[in-house]
Amino acid sequence: MLFSLLQAALRHEPTRRTLLSSGDYKHFHRQLSQALAEGLAAEA
């Protein structure tokens, strides 16, 4: 659900510009993607 919310936020142009200009967002996105991948691998 959090990932879907993040994707929706990126479709909103002003929000996307704000998020993508932040190095924190890139770090957060990398961590979130890694956690999702690890979670899916553990379930498989």
N, C-alpha and C. Protein backbone atom coordinates (compact mmCIF):
# COMPACT_ATOMS: atom_id res chain seq x y z
N MET A 1 0.81 -1.19 0.00
CA MET A 1 0.00 0.00 0.00
C MET A 1 0.86 1.26 0.00
N LEU A 2 1.92 1.26 0.79
CA LEU A 2 2.81 2.41 0.83
C LEU A 2 3.44 2.65 -0.54
N PHE A 3 3.81 1.57 -1.19
CA PHE A 3 4.42 1.70 -2.51
C PHE A 3 3.42 2.30 -3.50
N SER A 4 2.16 1.88 -3.43
CA SER A 4 1.12 2.44 -4.31
C SER A 4 0.92 3.92 -4.04
N LEU A 5 0.93 4.30 -2.79
CA LEU A 5 0.79 5.70 -2.43
C LEU A 5 1.95 6.52 -2.98
N LEU A 6 3.14 5.97 -2.88
CA LEU A 6 4.32 6.65 -3.40
C LEU A 6 4.23 6.82 -4.91
N GLN A 7 3.77 5.78 -5.60
CA GLN A 7 3.61 5.87 -7.05
C GLN A 7 2.58 6.93 -7.42
N ALA A 8 1.49 7.00 -6.67
CA ALA A 8 0.46 8.01 -6.93
C ALA A 8 1.02 9.41 -6.71
N ALA A 9 1.82 9.58 -5.68
CA ALA A 9 2.42 10.89 -5.40
C ALA A 9 3.32 11.32 -6.55
N LEU A 10 4.00 10.37 -7.15
CA LEU A 10 4.92 10.71 -8.25
C LEU A 10 4.15 11.11 -9.52
N ARG A 11 2.89 10.75 -9.61
CA ARG A 11 2.08 11.15 -10.77
C ARG A 11 1.56 12.58 -10.62
N HIS A 12 1.63 13.11 -9.40
CA HIS A 12 1.20 14.49 -9.14
C HIS A 12 2.43 15.38 -9.35
N GLU A 13 2.42 16.17 -10.39
CA GLU A 13 3.62 16.90 -10.82
C GLU A 13 4.30 17.74 -9.73
N PRO A 14 3.59 18.60 -9.01
CA PRO A 14 4.29 19.39 -7.98
C PRO A 14 4.93 18.51 -6.90
N THR A 15 4.23 17.45 -6.52
CA THR A 15 4.78 16.54 -5.52
C THR A 15 5.99 15.82 -6.07
N ARG A 16 5.90 15.41 -7.33
CA ARG A 16 7.01 14.70 -7.96
C ARG A 16 8.27 15.56 -7.99
N ARG A 17 8.12 16.82 -8.37
CA ARG A 17 9.29 17.71 -8.42
C ARG A 17 9.92 17.86 -7.05
N THR A 18 9.08 18.01 -6.03
CA THR A 18 9.59 18.16 -4.66
C THR A 18 10.31 16.90 -4.19
N LEU A 19 9.69 15.75 -4.43
CA LEU A 19 10.29 14.50 -3.97
C LEU A 19 11.59 14.19 -4.70
N LEU A 20 11.57 14.36 -6.01
CA LEU A 20 12.75 13.98 -6.79
C LEU A 20 13.91 14.94 -6.59
N SER A 21 13.65 16.13 -6.10
CA SER A 21 14.74 17.07 -5.85
C SER A 21 15.44 16.75 -4.53
N SER A 22 14.85 15.85 -3.77
CA SER A 22 15.40 15.51 -2.47
C SER A 22 16.21 14.22 -2.53
N GLY A 23 17.45 14.29 -2.06
CA GLY A 23 18.28 13.09 -1.99
C GLY A 23 17.68 12.08 -1.02
N ASP A 24 16.94 12.58 -0.02
CA ASP A 24 16.31 11.69 0.94
C ASP A 24 15.31 10.77 0.25
N TYR A 25 14.60 11.29 -0.75
CA TYR A 25 13.63 10.46 -1.45
C TYR A 25 14.33 9.31 -2.15
N LYS A 26 15.44 9.57 -2.81
CA LYS A 26 16.15 8.50 -3.53
C LYS A 26 16.60 7.41 -2.56
N HIS A 27 17.09 7.84 -1.41
CA HIS A 27 17.53 6.87 -0.39
C HIS A 27 16.34 6.06 0.13
N PHE A 28 15.23 6.75 0.41
CA PHE A 28 14.02 6.08 0.89
C PHE A 28 13.50 5.10 -0.15
N HIS A 29 13.45 5.51 -1.40
CA HIS A 29 12.93 4.64 -2.46
C HIS A 29 13.79 3.39 -2.60
N ARG A 30 15.11 3.54 -2.51
CA ARG A 30 16.01 2.39 -2.61
C ARG A 30 15.76 1.44 -1.44
N GLN A 31 15.62 1.99 -0.24
CA GLN A 31 15.37 1.13 0.93
C GLN A 31 14.02 0.43 0.81
N LEU A 32 13.00 1.15 0.38
CA LEU A 32 11.67 0.56 0.24
C LEU A 32 11.68 -0.56 -0.79
N SER A 33 12.30 -0.31 -1.93
CA SER A 33 12.36 -1.33 -2.98
C SER A 33 13.11 -2.57 -2.51
N GLN A 34 14.20 -2.36 -1.78
CA GLN A 34 14.97 -3.49 -1.27
C GLN A 34 14.16 -4.29 -0.26
N ALA A 35 13.45 -3.60 0.63
CA ALA A 35 12.64 -4.28 1.63
C ALA A 35 11.52 -5.09 0.97
N LEU A 36 10.89 -4.51 -0.05
CA LEU A 36 9.84 -5.23 -0.77
C LEU A 36 10.40 -6.47 -1.46
N ALA A 37 11.54 -6.33 -2.09
CA ALA A 37 12.16 -7.48 -2.77
C ALA A 37 12.52 -8.58 -1.78
N GLU A 38 13.06 -8.20 -0.63
CA GLU A 38 13.42 -9.20 0.38
C GLU A 38 12.17 -9.88 0.94
N GLY A 39 11.12 -9.10 1.15
CA GLY A 39 9.87 -9.67 1.64
C GLY A 39 9.27 -10.66 0.67
N LEU A 40 9.28 -10.29 -0.61
CA LEU A 40 8.75 -11.20 -1.63
C LEU A 40 9.60 -12.45 -1.76
N ALA A 41 10.91 -12.32 -1.65
CA ALA A 41 11.80 -13.47 -1.75
C ALA A 41 11.57 -14.42 -0.57
N ALA A 42 11.30 -13.87 0.61
CA ALA A 42 11.09 -14.70 1.80
C ALA A 42 9.79 -15.48 1.69
N GLU A 43 8.79 -14.93 1.01
CA GLU A 43 7.51 -15.61 0.86
C GLU A 43 7.55 -16.67 -0.22
N ALA A 44 8.45 -16.54 -1.16
CA ALA A 44 8.50 -17.48 -2.30
C ALA A 44 9.12 -18.81 -1.92
